[in-house]
Amino acid sequence: MKKQLSKDELNRHINKPGINVVYGFTPICATCALAERFLNIAMEVVPTEVKKADLNYHEDFIETYKIKSVPVLMAFKNGACVKSLYRFESVTNLVEFFKNIDE
């Protein structure tokens, strides 16, 4: 995954046409570290561009999308959140998320 996103970069990403995925995390979250490892493997199985956002720097984003906890994987379609995932149970779970994003 790429570097940390600024507020403007995050907004541009989620508002691009088509499906855009954001991985929300915090650096001190041990579960986030494990989730990111699962996510990297899942992205090899289903090639998907995922932008990484340290939610410590995105309070407006948290409030707007009512994010409950981290880690969170969110899919946006034309600026609207169409799917969220909070339970990174397995690589298979993440692969299914990517495969079924449009449903």
N, C-alpha and C. Protein backbone atom coordinates (compact mmCIF):
# COMPACT_ATOMS: atom_id res chain seq x y z
N MET A 1 0.83 -1.19 0.00
CA MET A 1 0.00 0.00 0.00
C MET A 1 0.87 1.24 0.00
N LYS A 2 0.28 2.31 -0.44
CA LYS A 2 1.01 3.57 -0.59
C LYS A 2 1.17 4.29 0.75
N LYS A 3 1.78 5.46 0.67
CA LYS A 3 2.00 6.30 1.85
C LYS A 3 0.68 6.80 2.45
N GLN A 4 0.79 7.44 3.58
CA GLN A 4 -0.36 8.03 4.27
C GLN A 4 -1.03 9.09 3.39
N LEU A 5 -2.35 9.15 3.44
CA LEU A 5 -3.11 10.11 2.65
C LEU A 5 -3.37 11.39 3.43
N SER A 6 -3.29 12.50 2.73
CA SER A 6 -3.74 13.77 3.31
C SER A 6 -5.26 13.81 3.21
N LYS A 7 -5.86 14.78 3.87
CA LYS A 7 -7.32 14.93 3.82
C LYS A 7 -7.80 15.13 2.38
N ASP A 8 -7.10 15.98 1.62
CA ASP A 8 -7.47 16.23 0.23
C ASP A 8 -7.31 14.98 -0.63
N GLU A 9 -6.21 14.25 -0.44
CA GLU A 9 -5.99 13.03 -1.21
C GLU A 9 -7.07 11.99 -0.90
N LEU A 10 -7.44 11.87 0.37
CA LEU A 10 -8.48 10.93 0.77
C LEU A 10 -9.81 11.30 0.10
N ASN A 11 -10.16 12.57 0.15
CA ASN A 11 -11.41 13.02 -0.48
C ASN A 11 -11.40 12.80 -1.98
N ARG A 12 -10.28 13.10 -2.63
CA ARG A 12 -10.18 12.86 -4.08
C ARG A 12 -10.34 11.38 -4.40
N HIS A 13 -9.71 10.54 -3.57
CA HIS A 13 -9.77 9.09 -3.80
C HIS A 13 -11.19 8.57 -3.69
N ILE A 14 -11.89 8.92 -2.64
CA ILE A 14 -13.24 8.35 -2.46
C ILE A 14 -14.25 8.93 -3.44
N ASN A 15 -13.95 10.08 -4.02
CA ASN A 15 -14.87 10.72 -4.96
C ASN A 15 -14.55 10.45 -6.42
N LYS A 16 -13.51 9.65 -6.68
CA LYS A 16 -13.20 9.27 -8.06
C LYS A 16 -14.35 8.40 -8.59
N PRO A 17 -14.59 8.44 -9.89
CA PRO A 17 -15.59 7.54 -10.46
C PRO A 17 -15.20 6.08 -10.23
N GLY A 18 -16.18 5.24 -10.07
CA GLY A 18 -15.94 3.82 -9.89
C GLY A 18 -15.80 3.42 -8.43
N ILE A 19 -15.25 2.23 -8.21
CA ILE A 19 -15.07 1.68 -6.87
C ILE A 19 -13.70 2.08 -6.35
N ASN A 20 -13.67 2.61 -5.13
CA ASN A 20 -12.42 3.01 -4.48
C ASN A 20 -12.42 2.49 -3.05
N VAL A 21 -11.32 1.90 -2.64
CA VAL A 21 -11.26 1.24 -1.34
C VAL A 21 -10.28 1.98 -0.42
N VAL A 22 -10.70 2.12 0.85
CA VAL A 22 -9.87 2.77 1.87
C VAL A 22 -9.71 1.80 3.04
N TYR A 23 -8.48 1.66 3.50
CA TYR A 23 -8.17 0.89 4.70
C TYR A 23 -7.90 1.88 5.82
N GLY A 24 -8.76 1.91 6.84
CA GLY A 24 -8.59 2.81 7.98
C GLY A 24 -7.96 2.07 9.14
N PHE A 25 -6.96 2.69 9.75
CA PHE A 25 -6.20 2.05 10.83
C PHE A 25 -5.67 3.12 11.78
N THR A 26 -5.06 2.66 12.86
CA THR A 26 -4.24 3.52 13.71
C THR A 26 -2.93 2.78 13.96
N PRO A 27 -1.81 3.49 14.04
CA PRO A 27 -0.51 2.83 14.14
C PRO A 27 -0.31 2.01 15.42
N ILE A 28 -0.95 2.38 16.51
CA ILE A 28 -0.71 1.64 17.76
C ILE A 28 -1.65 0.44 17.93
N CYS A 29 -2.49 0.19 16.95
CA CYS A 29 -3.46 -0.90 17.00
C CYS A 29 -2.80 -2.20 16.53
N ALA A 30 -2.64 -3.15 17.45
CA ALA A 30 -2.02 -4.43 17.10
C ALA A 30 -2.89 -5.22 16.12
N THR A 31 -4.19 -5.14 16.28
CA THR A 31 -5.10 -5.82 15.36
C THR A 31 -4.97 -5.25 13.96
N CYS A 32 -4.74 -3.93 13.87
CA CYS A 32 -4.56 -3.28 12.56
C CYS A 32 -3.32 -3.83 11.85
N ALA A 33 -2.27 -4.06 12.59
CA ALA A 33 -1.03 -4.58 12.00
C ALA A 33 -1.27 -5.97 11.40
N LEU A 34 -1.98 -6.82 12.12
CA LEU A 34 -2.30 -8.15 11.61
C LEU A 34 -3.26 -8.05 10.43
N ALA A 35 -4.25 -7.18 10.53
CA ALA A 35 -5.22 -7.00 9.45
C ALA A 35 -4.53 -6.54 8.17
N GLU A 36 -3.55 -5.67 8.31
CA GLU A 36 -2.84 -5.19 7.12
C GLU A 36 -2.07 -6.32 6.44
N ARG A 37 -1.55 -7.23 7.22
CA ARG A 37 -0.85 -8.39 6.64
C ARG A 37 -1.84 -9.23 5.83
N PHE A 38 -3.03 -9.49 6.41
CA PHE A 38 -4.08 -10.22 5.69
C PHE A 38 -4.46 -9.46 4.41
N LEU A 39 -4.60 -8.16 4.54
CA LEU A 39 -5.01 -7.32 3.43
C LEU A 39 -4.01 -7.37 2.28
N ASN A 40 -2.73 -7.32 2.60
CA ASN A 40 -1.70 -7.39 1.56
C ASN A 40 -1.76 -8.70 0.78
N ILE A 41 -2.02 -9.80 1.49
CA ILE A 41 -2.14 -11.10 0.81
C ILE A 41 -3.39 -11.12 -0.06
N ALA A 42 -4.51 -10.63 0.47
CA ALA A 42 -5.77 -10.61 -0.28
C ALA A 42 -5.63 -9.77 -1.56
N MET A 43 -4.88 -8.69 -1.48
CA MET A 43 -4.68 -7.82 -2.65
C MET A 43 -3.82 -8.51 -3.71
N GLU A 44 -3.04 -9.50 -3.34
CA GLU A 44 -2.31 -10.29 -4.33
C GLU A 44 -3.24 -11.25 -5.05
N VAL A 45 -4.23 -11.78 -4.32
CA VAL A 45 -5.19 -12.72 -4.90
C VAL A 45 -6.17 -11.99 -5.81
N VAL A 46 -6.70 -10.87 -5.33
CA VAL A 46 -7.64 -10.04 -6.09
C VAL A 46 -6.99 -8.66 -6.23
N PRO A 47 -6.28 -8.42 -7.32
CA PRO A 47 -5.58 -7.14 -7.45
C PRO A 47 -6.56 -5.96 -7.30
N THR A 48 -6.36 -5.20 -6.25
CA THR A 48 -7.23 -4.09 -5.90
C THR A 48 -6.37 -2.96 -5.37
N GLU A 49 -6.67 -1.73 -5.79
CA GLU A 49 -5.97 -0.58 -5.25
C GLU A 49 -6.66 -0.19 -3.94
N VAL A 50 -5.89 -0.15 -2.87
CA VAL A 50 -6.42 0.22 -1.56
C VAL A 50 -5.56 1.37 -1.03
N LYS A 51 -6.23 2.45 -0.64
CA LYS A 51 -5.53 3.58 -0.03
C LYS A 51 -5.60 3.42 1.48
N LYS A 52 -4.50 3.74 2.13
CA LYS A 52 -4.33 3.56 3.57
C LYS A 52 -4.49 4.91 4.26
N ALA A 53 -5.36 4.96 5.29
CA ALA A 53 -5.60 6.22 6.00
C ALA A 53 -5.45 6.02 7.50
N ASP A 54 -4.48 6.71 8.09
CA ASP A 54 -4.32 6.72 9.54
C ASP A 54 -5.44 7.58 10.09
N LEU A 55 -6.41 6.95 10.73
CA LEU A 55 -7.61 7.66 11.16
C LEU A 55 -7.36 8.63 12.31
N ASN A 56 -6.17 8.61 12.90
CA ASN A 56 -5.82 9.63 13.88
C ASN A 56 -5.84 11.02 13.26
N TYR A 57 -5.65 11.09 11.94
CA TYR A 57 -5.57 12.36 11.22
C TYR A 57 -6.82 12.68 10.40
N HIS A 58 -7.86 11.89 10.57
CA HIS A 58 -9.05 12.07 9.74
C HIS A 58 -10.33 12.03 10.58
N GLU A 59 -10.43 12.93 11.55
CA GLU A 59 -11.60 12.97 12.43
C GLU A 59 -12.89 13.24 11.67
N ASP A 60 -12.84 14.13 10.68
CA ASP A 60 -14.04 14.43 9.89
C ASP A 60 -14.52 13.18 9.15
N PHE A 61 -13.58 12.42 8.62
CA PHE A 61 -13.91 11.18 7.91
C PHE A 61 -14.59 10.20 8.86
N ILE A 62 -14.06 10.07 10.07
CA ILE A 62 -14.64 9.18 11.09
C ILE A 62 -16.08 9.59 11.39
N GLU A 63 -16.30 10.87 11.59
CA GLU A 63 -17.64 11.36 11.91
C GLU A 63 -18.59 11.20 10.72
N THR A 64 -18.14 11.56 9.55
CA THR A 64 -18.99 11.48 8.36
C THR A 64 -19.47 10.06 8.10
N TYR A 65 -18.59 9.09 8.22
CA TYR A 65 -18.93 7.71 7.90
C TYR A 65 -19.22 6.86 9.13
N LYS A 66 -19.30 7.51 10.29
CA LYS A 66 -19.66 6.84 11.55
C LYS A 66 -18.84 5.57 11.78
N ILE A 67 -17.54 5.72 11.66
CA ILE A 67 -16.63 4.59 11.84
C ILE A 67 -16.63 4.19 13.31
N LYS A 68 -16.87 2.90 13.56
CA LYS A 68 -17.03 2.39 14.91
C LYS A 68 -15.72 1.95 15.55
N SER A 69 -14.82 1.42 14.74
CA SER A 69 -13.56 0.90 15.28
C SER A 69 -12.56 0.72 14.14
N VAL A 70 -11.35 0.40 14.51
CA VAL A 70 -10.31 0.08 13.54
C VAL A 70 -9.84 -1.34 13.83
N PRO A 71 -9.40 -2.02 12.82
CA PRO A 71 -9.30 -1.63 11.42
C PRO A 71 -10.67 -1.62 10.75
N VAL A 72 -10.74 -0.87 9.65
CA VAL A 72 -11.95 -0.84 8.84
C VAL A 72 -11.55 -0.79 7.37
N LEU A 73 -12.26 -1.53 6.56
CA LEU A 73 -12.07 -1.53 5.13
C LEU A 73 -13.37 -1.01 4.53
N MET A 74 -13.28 0.05 3.73
CA MET A 74 -14.48 0.69 3.20
C MET A 74 -14.38 0.80 1.69
N ALA A 75 -15.47 0.44 1.01
CA ALA A 75 -15.55 0.57 -0.44
C ALA A 75 -16.49 1.72 -0.77
N PHE A 76 -16.04 2.60 -1.64
CA PHE A 76 -16.81 3.75 -2.07
C PHE A 76 -17.09 3.63 -3.56
N LYS A 77 -18.30 4.01 -3.93
CA LYS A 77 -18.66 4.05 -5.34
C LYS A 77 -19.16 5.45 -5.64
N ASN A 78 -18.41 6.16 -6.47
CA ASN A 78 -18.76 7.53 -6.83
C ASN A 78 -19.00 8.40 -5.60
N GLY A 79 -18.18 8.24 -4.58
CA GLY A 79 -18.23 9.08 -3.39
C GLY A 79 -19.11 8.58 -2.26
N ALA A 80 -19.89 7.54 -2.49
CA ALA A 80 -20.77 7.00 -1.45
C ALA A 80 -20.21 5.68 -0.92
N CYS A 81 -20.23 5.52 0.39
CA CYS A 81 -19.77 4.26 1.00
C CYS A 81 -20.81 3.18 0.71
N VAL A 82 -20.39 2.14 0.01
CA VAL A 82 -21.30 1.06 -0.36
C VAL A 82 -21.08 -0.21 0.46
N LYS A 83 -19.94 -0.29 1.13
CA LYS A 83 -19.64 -1.51 1.90
C LYS A 83 -18.54 -1.22 2.90
N SER A 84 -18.69 -1.76 4.12
CA SER A 84 -17.66 -1.63 5.16
C SER A 84 -17.41 -2.99 5.77
N LEU A 85 -16.17 -3.19 6.21
CA LEU A 85 -15.79 -4.44 6.87
C LEU A 85 -14.95 -4.10 8.09
N TYR A 86 -15.39 -4.58 9.25
CA TYR A 86 -14.65 -4.36 10.49
C TYR A 86 -13.97 -5.63 10.98
N ARG A 87 -14.44 -6.78 10.55
CA ARG A 87 -13.89 -8.04 11.02
C ARG A 87 -12.98 -8.65 9.96
N PHE A 88 -11.70 -8.57 10.20
CA PHE A 88 -10.69 -9.11 9.28
C PHE A 88 -10.36 -10.52 9.75
N GLU A 89 -11.32 -11.42 9.65
CA GLU A 89 -11.19 -12.76 10.20
C GLU A 89 -10.12 -13.60 9.51
N SER A 90 -10.00 -13.42 8.21
CA SER A 90 -9.07 -14.24 7.44
C SER A 90 -8.80 -13.58 6.09
N VAL A 91 -7.81 -14.10 5.41
CA VAL A 91 -7.53 -13.63 4.05
C VAL A 91 -8.73 -13.94 3.16
N THR A 92 -9.32 -15.10 3.35
CA THR A 92 -10.49 -15.50 2.56
C THR A 92 -11.63 -14.49 2.72
N ASN A 93 -11.85 -14.04 3.93
CA ASN A 93 -12.87 -13.04 4.22
C ASN A 93 -12.62 -11.76 3.42
N LEU A 94 -11.38 -11.33 3.35
CA LEU A 94 -11.04 -10.12 2.60
C LEU A 94 -11.15 -10.32 1.10
N VAL A 95 -10.76 -11.50 0.62
CA VAL A 95 -10.90 -11.81 -0.80
C VAL A 95 -12.37 -11.74 -1.20
N GLU A 96 -13.25 -12.31 -0.37
CA GLU A 96 -14.69 -12.26 -0.63
C GLU A 96 -15.20 -10.82 -0.63
N PHE A 97 -14.70 -9.99 0.27
CA PHE A 97 -15.07 -8.58 0.30
C PHE A 97 -14.76 -7.94 -1.05
N PHE A 98 -13.53 -8.15 -1.55
CA PHE A 98 -13.13 -7.57 -2.83
C PHE A 98 -13.95 -8.11 -4.00
N LYS A 99 -14.19 -9.41 -4.00
CA LYS A 99 -14.93 -10.03 -5.11
C LYS A 99 -16.38 -9.58 -5.15
N ASN A 100 -16.95 -9.25 -3.99
CA ASN A 100 -18.38 -8.93 -3.90
C ASN A 100 -18.63 -7.46 -3.59
N ILE A 101 -17.71 -6.60 -3.92
CA ILE A 101 -17.82 -5.18 -3.58
C ILE A 101 -19.07 -4.54 -4.18
N ASP A 102 -19.46 -4.94 -5.35
CA ASP A 102 -20.59 -4.30 -6.03
C ASP A 102 -21.96 -4.83 -5.57
N GLU A 103 -21.98 -5.82 -4.74
CA GLU A 103 -23.27 -6.39 -4.33
C GLU A 103 -23.86 -5.64 -3.16
